[in-house]
Every structure is written in structure tokens, then in C-alpha cells.
Protein backbone atom coordinates (compact mmCIF):
# COMPACT_ATOMS: atom_id res chain seq x y z
CA MET A 1 -51.71 -185.04 -155.37
CA LYS A 2 -52.25 -186.57 -152.27
CA ILE A 3 -48.98 -188.14 -150.65
CA SER A 4 -48.79 -190.55 -147.69
CA LEU A 5 -45.73 -189.86 -145.39
CA ASP A 6 -44.43 -192.45 -142.93
CA ALA A 7 -43.91 -190.07 -139.66
CA TYR A 8 -41.65 -192.69 -138.21
CA GLY A 9 -39.14 -193.52 -140.75
CA SER A 10 -35.97 -191.36 -140.45
CA ASP A 11 -33.20 -190.90 -137.87
CA ASN A 12 -35.03 -187.47 -136.95
CA CYS A 13 -38.60 -189.05 -136.40
CA PRO A 14 -40.98 -187.68 -135.98
CA LEU A 15 -39.87 -183.65 -136.02
CA ALA A 16 -38.10 -183.81 -139.53
CA GLU A 17 -41.30 -185.82 -141.33
CA VAL A 18 -43.76 -183.09 -139.49
CA GLU A 19 -41.59 -180.07 -140.56
CA GLY A 20 -40.72 -181.70 -143.92
CA ALA A 21 -44.51 -181.75 -144.53
CA VAL A 22 -44.82 -178.40 -143.30
CA LEU A 23 -42.65 -177.25 -145.76
CA ALA A 24 -44.16 -179.28 -148.65
CA ILE A 25 -47.86 -177.82 -147.95
CA LYS A 26 -46.28 -173.89 -147.64
CA GLU A 27 -44.30 -174.68 -150.82
CA ASN A 28 -47.46 -176.04 -152.51
CA VAL A 29 -45.56 -179.03 -153.63
CA CYS A 30 -48.78 -181.32 -153.27
CA GLU A 31 -52.52 -180.48 -152.65
CA LYS A 32 -52.60 -182.78 -149.02
CA ILE A 33 -50.35 -184.74 -146.88
CA TYR A 34 -51.58 -188.00 -144.81
CA LEU A 35 -49.36 -188.09 -141.94
CA VAL A 36 -48.70 -191.63 -140.53
CA GLY A 37 -48.08 -192.29 -136.76
CA LYS A 38 -48.71 -191.84 -133.65
CA GLU A 39 -51.44 -189.30 -133.47
CA ASP A 40 -51.08 -187.53 -130.08
CA GLU A 41 -47.48 -187.11 -130.63
CA LEU A 42 -48.02 -185.82 -134.38
CA ALA A 43 -50.51 -183.33 -133.33
CA SER A 44 -48.36 -181.80 -130.57
CA HIS A 45 -45.76 -181.36 -133.10
CA LEU A 46 -48.08 -179.68 -135.66
CA ASP A 47 -49.19 -177.58 -132.64
CA LYS A 48 -45.55 -175.46 -133.09
CA PHE A 49 -46.22 -174.91 -136.51
CA ILE A 50 -48.77 -172.38 -138.69
CA TYR A 51 -49.76 -174.09 -141.80
CA ASP A 52 -53.25 -174.73 -143.74
CA LYS A 53 -54.60 -177.37 -141.51
CA SER A 54 -56.85 -178.97 -143.87
CA ARG A 55 -54.11 -179.93 -146.13
CA ILE A 56 -52.15 -181.94 -143.49
CA GLU A 57 -54.39 -185.01 -141.99
CA ILE A 58 -53.01 -186.80 -139.53
CA VAL A 59 -53.74 -190.98 -139.79
CA HIS A 60 -53.21 -193.08 -136.75
CA ALA A 61 -50.61 -195.90 -136.59
CA PRO A 62 -49.18 -196.80 -133.33
CA ASP A 63 -46.41 -199.55 -134.62
CA VAL A 64 -43.18 -198.73 -135.65
CA ILE A 65 -41.03 -200.83 -138.07
CA SER A 66 -37.45 -199.98 -136.97
CA MET A 67 -34.15 -200.07 -138.81
CA ASP A 68 -33.23 -203.38 -136.71
CA ASP A 69 -36.56 -205.09 -137.70
CA ASP A 70 -36.59 -208.01 -139.90
CA PRO A 71 -37.92 -206.53 -143.47
CA SER A 72 -40.40 -209.44 -144.48
CA VAL A 73 -41.23 -210.11 -141.17
CA SER A 74 -42.15 -206.78 -139.93
CA ALA A 75 -43.92 -205.67 -143.24
CA ARG A 76 -45.99 -208.99 -142.85
CA LYS A 77 -46.79 -208.76 -139.43
CA LYS A 78 -46.57 -205.13 -138.36
CA THR A 79 -49.89 -204.19 -140.02
CA ASP A 80 -50.72 -201.40 -137.88
CA SER A 81 -47.07 -199.61 -138.27
CA SER A 82 -46.99 -196.29 -139.74
CA MET A 83 -44.97 -197.73 -142.95
CA VAL A 84 -47.92 -200.31 -143.66
CA VAL A 85 -50.83 -197.90 -143.16
CA ALA A 86 -49.09 -195.13 -145.61
CA LEU A 87 -48.71 -197.77 -147.98
CA ARG A 88 -52.23 -199.12 -147.58
CA LEU A 89 -53.62 -195.37 -147.92
CA HIS A 90 -51.79 -195.34 -151.55
CA LYS A 91 -53.48 -199.01 -152.30
CA GLU A 92 -56.79 -197.65 -151.57
CA GLY A 93 -56.45 -194.79 -153.70
CA LYS A 94 -56.77 -192.02 -151.07
CA ALA A 95 -53.15 -191.04 -151.59
CA ASP A 96 -51.16 -191.23 -154.76
CA ALA A 97 -47.99 -192.13 -153.65
CA ALA A 98 -45.95 -193.20 -150.42
CA VAL A 99 -43.14 -191.71 -148.94
CA SER A 100 -41.04 -193.22 -146.11
CA ALA A 101 -37.35 -192.54 -144.72
CA GLY A 102 -37.32 -196.13 -142.78
CA ASN A 103 -36.28 -199.19 -142.87
CA THR A 104 -35.16 -199.65 -146.59
CA GLY A 105 -35.84 -203.47 -147.03
CA ALA A 106 -39.10 -203.29 -145.09
CA MET A 107 -40.16 -200.54 -147.13
CA MET A 108 -39.81 -203.03 -150.22
CA ALA A 109 -41.25 -205.87 -148.62
CA ALA A 110 -43.89 -203.85 -147.67
CA SER A 111 -44.95 -202.21 -151.03
CA LEU A 112 -45.11 -205.37 -152.81
CA PHE A 113 -47.56 -207.01 -150.47
CA ALA A 114 -49.57 -203.33 -150.62
CA LEU A 115 -49.16 -203.32 -154.25
CA GLY A 116 -47.76 -205.43 -156.07
CA ARG A 117 -45.30 -205.97 -159.27
CA ILE A 118 -45.91 -204.68 -162.54
CA LYS A 119 -47.30 -207.71 -164.81
CA ASN A 120 -43.83 -209.47 -166.25
CA VAL A 121 -41.41 -207.51 -163.97
CA SER A 122 -39.81 -210.02 -161.95
CA ARG A 123 -37.90 -207.97 -159.28
CA PRO A 124 -38.98 -204.07 -158.69
CA ALA A 125 -35.50 -202.23 -158.10
CA ILE A 126 -34.42 -199.45 -156.33
CA ALA A 127 -33.39 -196.80 -158.64
CA LEU A 128 -31.68 -193.41 -157.32
CA THR A 129 -30.47 -190.43 -159.29
CA PHE A 130 -27.21 -189.96 -158.50
CA PRO A 131 -25.24 -186.37 -159.10
CA THR A 132 -22.10 -186.90 -161.50
CA MET A 133 -19.83 -184.00 -163.16
CA HIS A 134 -22.17 -183.90 -166.33
CA GLY A 135 -25.47 -183.76 -164.90
CA GLN A 136 -27.18 -186.82 -163.32
CA GLU A 137 -27.60 -190.73 -164.05
CA ILE A 138 -29.68 -193.13 -162.80
CA VAL A 139 -28.23 -196.15 -160.42
CA LEU A 140 -29.96 -199.56 -160.08
CA ASP A 141 -30.50 -201.29 -158.21
CA VAL A 142 -29.14 -199.66 -155.03
CA GLY A 143 -30.41 -202.39 -152.23
CA ALA A 144 -33.43 -203.96 -152.95
CA ASN A 145 -31.83 -207.25 -154.56
CA VAL A 146 -28.66 -208.14 -153.07
CA ASP A 147 -28.53 -211.75 -154.80
CA CYS A 148 -29.27 -211.45 -158.80
CA GLU A 149 -29.43 -213.39 -162.08
CA SER A 150 -28.34 -211.73 -165.43
CA GLN A 151 -32.15 -211.40 -166.61
CA HIS A 152 -32.68 -209.65 -163.67
CA LEU A 153 -29.93 -207.04 -164.49
CA GLU A 154 -31.17 -207.00 -167.93
CA GLN A 155 -34.94 -205.85 -166.88
CA PHE A 156 -32.99 -203.46 -164.34
CA ALA A 157 -31.53 -201.81 -167.82
CA VAL A 158 -35.04 -201.76 -169.38
CA LEU A 159 -36.72 -199.81 -166.15
CA GLY A 160 -33.64 -197.75 -166.03
CA SER A 161 -34.07 -196.57 -169.60
CA LEU A 162 -37.74 -195.71 -168.99
CA TYR A 163 -37.18 -193.84 -165.93
CA ALA A 164 -34.25 -192.25 -167.67
CA LYS A 165 -36.64 -190.81 -170.93
CA PHE A 166 -39.31 -189.76 -167.96
CA SER A 167 -36.39 -188.03 -165.79
CA PHE A 168 -33.93 -186.70 -168.46
CA ASN A 169 -36.17 -186.28 -171.21
CA LEU A 170 -33.88 -188.53 -173.51
CA GLU A 171 -35.16 -190.54 -176.36
CA SER A 172 -32.36 -193.37 -176.29
CA PRO A 173 -30.79 -193.26 -172.89
CA THR A 174 -27.22 -195.00 -173.01
CA VAL A 175 -27.16 -197.75 -170.35
CA SER A 176 -23.82 -199.16 -168.92
CA LEU A 177 -23.00 -202.28 -166.56
CA LEU A 178 -21.18 -201.25 -163.42
CA ASN A 179 -17.82 -204.08 -163.49
CA ILE A 180 -14.57 -204.33 -162.47
CA GLY A 181 -12.90 -203.18 -166.32
CA GLU A 182 -14.61 -201.87 -169.42
CA GLU A 183 -13.83 -205.14 -171.58
CA SER A 184 -16.57 -207.60 -171.62
CA LYS A 185 -14.52 -210.54 -170.81
CA LYS A 186 -14.11 -208.87 -167.03
CA GLY A 187 -15.93 -209.61 -163.80
CA ASN A 188 -18.02 -212.38 -162.11
CA GLU A 189 -19.87 -214.96 -163.96
CA LEU A 190 -23.20 -212.53 -163.33
CA THR A 191 -21.88 -209.25 -164.78
CA LYS A 192 -20.23 -211.39 -167.98
CA THR A 193 -23.61 -212.89 -168.68
CA ALA A 194 -25.59 -209.76 -167.95
CA TYR A 195 -23.20 -208.25 -170.64
CA GLN A 196 -23.92 -210.43 -173.53
CA ALA A 197 -27.84 -210.30 -172.39
CA LEU A 198 -27.38 -206.40 -172.42
CA SER A 199 -25.77 -206.30 -175.23
CA GLN A 200 -28.32 -208.55 -177.14
CA ASN A 201 -31.45 -206.33 -176.01
CA LYS A 202 -32.24 -204.05 -179.20
CA GLU A 203 -34.47 -201.99 -177.21
CA ILE A 204 -31.97 -200.02 -174.90
CA ASN A 205 -28.74 -198.44 -175.68
CA PHE A 206 -26.23 -200.51 -173.99
CA ILE A 207 -22.77 -198.88 -174.45
CA GLY A 208 -20.71 -201.32 -172.48
CA ASN A 209 -19.07 -201.65 -168.92
CA ILE A 210 -18.60 -198.84 -166.29
CA GLU A 211 -15.99 -199.04 -163.54
CA GLY A 212 -16.41 -197.59 -160.38
CA LYS A 213 -13.96 -194.79 -161.01
CA ASP A 214 -16.23 -193.36 -164.04
CA LEU A 215 -19.53 -193.12 -161.67
CA LEU A 216 -19.21 -189.45 -161.28
CA LYS A 217 -17.88 -188.27 -164.38
CA GLY A 218 -21.43 -188.43 -166.16
CA VAL A 219 -20.20 -190.72 -169.17
CA THR A 220 -23.63 -192.61 -169.06
CA ASP A 221 -27.53 -192.01 -168.51
CA VAL A 222 -28.07 -195.35 -166.41
CA VAL A 223 -25.73 -197.68 -164.49
CA VAL A 224 -27.14 -201.22 -163.82
CA CYS A 225 -25.61 -203.40 -161.13
CA ASP A 226 -26.89 -206.01 -158.51
CA GLY A 227 -28.14 -204.42 -154.85
CA PHE A 228 -25.00 -205.64 -153.06
CA VAL A 229 -22.68 -203.82 -155.19
CA GLY A 230 -25.34 -201.21 -155.45
CA ASN A 231 -25.59 -200.24 -151.99
CA VAL A 232 -21.90 -200.54 -151.25
CA MET A 233 -20.99 -198.01 -153.99
CA LEU A 234 -23.62 -195.88 -152.53
CA LYS A 235 -22.51 -195.81 -149.06
CA SER A 236 -18.98 -195.69 -149.93
CA VAL A 237 -19.28 -192.59 -152.14
CA GLU A 238 -21.45 -190.71 -149.40
CA GLY A 239 -19.15 -191.92 -146.73
CA ALA A 240 -16.09 -190.46 -149.08
CA ALA A 241 -17.69 -187.20 -149.86
CA MET A 242 -17.98 -186.65 -146.09
CA ALA A 243 -14.98 -187.83 -144.93
CA ILE A 244 -13.11 -185.35 -147.21
CA PHE A 245 -15.47 -182.46 -146.14
CA ASP A 246 -14.46 -183.14 -142.49
CA MET A 247 -10.60 -183.12 -143.48
CA MET A 248 -11.10 -179.99 -144.86
CA LYS A 249 -12.91 -178.57 -142.00
CA GLU A 250 -9.96 -180.07 -139.76
CA GLN A 251 -7.31 -178.90 -141.57
CA MET A 252 -8.29 -175.48 -141.23
CA LYS A 253 -8.70 -175.68 -137.49
CA HIS A 254 -4.44 -175.74 -137.39
CA ASP A 255 -3.50 -174.21 -140.72
CA TRP A 256 -3.90 -170.42 -141.06
CA VAL A 257 -2.89 -170.69 -144.42
CA ALA A 258 -5.82 -173.10 -145.20
CA LYS A 259 -8.43 -170.66 -143.66
CA ILE A 260 -7.25 -168.06 -145.92
CA GLY A 261 -7.98 -170.60 -149.17
CA ALA A 262 -11.23 -171.73 -147.70
CA LEU A 263 -12.26 -168.33 -147.15
CA LEU A 264 -11.48 -167.93 -151.08
CA SER A 265 -12.78 -171.43 -152.47
CA TYR A 266 -16.39 -171.20 -150.25
CA PRO A 267 -18.24 -170.71 -153.44
CA VAL A 268 -16.83 -173.65 -154.73
CA TYR A 269 -17.21 -175.79 -151.53
CA LYS A 270 -20.90 -174.91 -151.45
CA TYR A 271 -21.56 -175.50 -154.62
CA LEU A 272 -19.92 -179.30 -154.26
CA LYS A 273 -21.68 -179.79 -150.83
CA LYS A 274 -25.16 -178.79 -152.23
CA LYS A 275 -24.39 -180.94 -155.46
CA LEU A 276 -23.62 -184.06 -153.16
CA ASP A 277 -25.87 -183.52 -150.33
CA HIS A 278 -28.62 -186.06 -150.53
CA SER A 279 -31.30 -183.97 -149.06
CA GLU A 280 -31.52 -181.97 -152.47
CA TYR A 281 -32.90 -185.20 -154.40
CA GLY A 282 -35.30 -186.39 -152.22
CA GLY A 283 -35.86 -189.78 -152.53
CA ALA A 284 -35.42 -193.25 -154.52
CA LEU A 285 -38.04 -194.71 -156.72
CA LEU A 286 -39.33 -198.44 -156.33
CA VAL A 287 -39.49 -199.02 -160.15
CA GLY A 288 -41.37 -201.97 -161.24
CA LEU A 289 -44.10 -201.77 -158.64
CA ASN A 290 -47.83 -201.02 -159.32
CA GLY A 291 -48.03 -198.19 -157.91
CA ILE A 292 -45.27 -194.85 -156.52
CA SER A 293 -43.29 -196.04 -153.19
CA VAL A 294 -40.47 -193.40 -152.60
CA VAL A 295 -37.49 -194.50 -150.23
CA ALA A 296 -36.04 -191.32 -148.68
CA HIS A 297 -32.66 -191.22 -146.93
CA GLY A 298 -32.65 -192.46 -143.27
CA ARG A 299 -30.81 -189.43 -142.41
CA SER A 300 -33.34 -187.19 -143.79
CA ASN A 301 -33.73 -184.01 -142.32
CA ALA A 302 -37.18 -181.83 -142.79
CA ILE A 303 -35.71 -180.40 -146.44
CA ALA A 304 -35.07 -183.76 -147.62
CA ILE A 305 -38.45 -184.89 -146.88
CA LYS A 306 -40.14 -182.11 -148.45
CA ASN A 307 -38.36 -182.80 -151.42
CA ALA A 308 -39.08 -186.64 -151.34
CA VAL A 309 -43.00 -185.59 -151.10
CA LYS A 310 -41.88 -183.11 -153.97
CA PHE A 311 -40.42 -186.36 -155.92
CA ALA A 312 -43.29 -188.28 -155.08
CA ALA A 313 -45.85 -185.92 -156.15
CA LYS A 314 -43.99 -185.51 -159.54
CA ILE A 315 -43.98 -189.04 -160.46
CA SER A 316 -47.61 -189.04 -159.26
CA GLU A 317 -48.42 -186.22 -161.79
CA SER A 318 -46.78 -188.28 -164.85
CA ALA A 319 -47.87 -190.95 -166.76
CA PHE A 320 -44.28 -192.90 -165.87
CA ILE A 321 -46.17 -195.91 -164.02
CA GLU A 322 -48.84 -196.24 -167.21
CA GLU A 323 -45.76 -195.98 -169.35
CA VAL A 324 -44.19 -198.79 -167.65
CA LYS A 325 -47.22 -200.85 -167.69
CA GLU A 326 -47.56 -200.98 -170.89
CA TYR A 327 -44.08 -201.56 -171.91
CA PHE A 328 -44.31 -204.96 -169.97
CA GLU A 329 -47.84 -205.86 -170.53
CA ARG A 330 -47.17 -206.26 -174.39
CA LYS A 331 -44.22 -208.59 -173.56
């Protein structure tokens, strides 16, 4: 598999992307990486590493889409940006997938322009594999569509189910709607009408609403919500986890009893940190596109970039996109 990697997306670019690409090649997670960005700068950074030079190719792209850029405008006008060029390589068939840790909205817009939607998919969504107490669950949408109608959430449920079948090897993954209560009458107009639509859809295994407090319990396989709710939820969980670990560290500085307790509980602490670490999960897939576009976390380090490339290669090797096409094209 050949992966195109936007080298100017993450907060730590291009160092994280360069080192991540080298790690990916050394661990043989893919056949080749197109490292897209400013040629001279990337060449200078790559010179610091020992790797198979035939497997990382720099593709020059002089422009960059920043986090402050307007997503749709920059995706259309910055045609020489590292993100757009990386997607173009995928569109032209030179790369089997594209990866970026850059502006999520711009990656979504640029992916739509470059790859297009699968026939009969109205809105592609960002699907994230989320760690829970009992395995993993898929949450979508986590940021692509902030304003949705009930039919969009119903389609997210179908996309999420197909993705869960691929990811978790499940015959009939369970689907839940993120809401403020478990009862069908709870929520706003969107969630109430979406509940009815999901209940009547015989092609998904809808088991009802799920509240925010149950997200990490692993009681369902797929969680559906609009992009506004999903993004707030994701960042709230990330922020809470970081705050808890920071508070634990601060307490250890001032309490010798806490220090002893910390030493004894270090294996548990290490396990939790690894389980909640975004770098372990690589990236989120934009489902519903006529291609493979992976969004990595903006704070990605080299390990996270390597895992995002690994994830993209795994999707590329599978028949997931073809299965989604087959499902929606017969509608």
C-alpha cells in the first residue's frame, strides 16, 4: 500500500510527520509514503534519519492550510497546499489513501472536492474509534456536520454499522443515539425524529438512546450524533482525561502518601494513560467518501502519525470502501 501524508498538518509539523513516516517504513506498515510539503525543508529533516530512501518520496507542495484558514475556501483556493496535493495523489491513483493531521474542516472539504461522495451518500461523516471499559466503539459524526437532519443521522447509523462490521468483525453491531435521556421522547426535535427513523430501519440493530455518562462503558458498538454534539463530546472527554492525570501529578508533588500510592498503582496508571492516548488510535476515517481519507489528531506526535499511516494502509487493504459502495448504490 502507498500512502500520501500531508507533512504540514500537525501542531508539531513537519517533525512529527517526518519521524512518523520513517517509523512507518521501518515497521513496514505500508509499502511507500509520499511525504507532501516543502521539499527543501523535508529533505533536510529526513537527512537526520537512516531509512530505506526508496520508500519515502517527497512531493513538493509550497503552500499550507493552517488551522485558522476557512475550510471550504482554503480547500478550493489553496490548490498547491500539502493537504490538497496529498489528496490529489490519492485521486490520481498514485496513493491508496491520504492522511493529514491538519485542519479537520479543510480536510473534509478538500476530500469532498478531490474524491467525491459515494453515490446516494448525502453527507460523509468523521467516524472515530473510541476506547471504552469493554473494548471499543465507533462514534460518528465527531465534527464534519454541525447541522443535521434526522435522515443524516439515520445514514450515519448505516455507515457506522458497516464500519463496525469491518472493524470489529461483528455480524450485527448495536447502534445507539447519543441523547440527554434513554426515553424515546427525550431530546430536541432532531433526536426525537431521528429516534423514530432509526427504530424503523430494519437494516441496523438500533437499541435506543445512550446518555453521555454511558459512553465509556462500552454498552454499544456504534454511537450516532450530529457533528456539533460529537465534537463537543470528544473534546470534553479528552479534556477531562488530561485534567485528571494533571491533578494526580500535582497531588503527588505535595503529598508523600500520594507518592507511595502512585508508585504502587503505576501499572494501572500506565494502562489507563495508554488506553486513553489518542496516539494509539492513529486517526479517524471520513466515511461515505469515494476514497480513503484519514484525519489524525492535531496534537499528533511521531507515533500517532505512524499509527495513522498504519490505519490508512489497513483500510486500503480491505474491501470496506467497495462494501459501502455496494450497499448504497443498490438503494
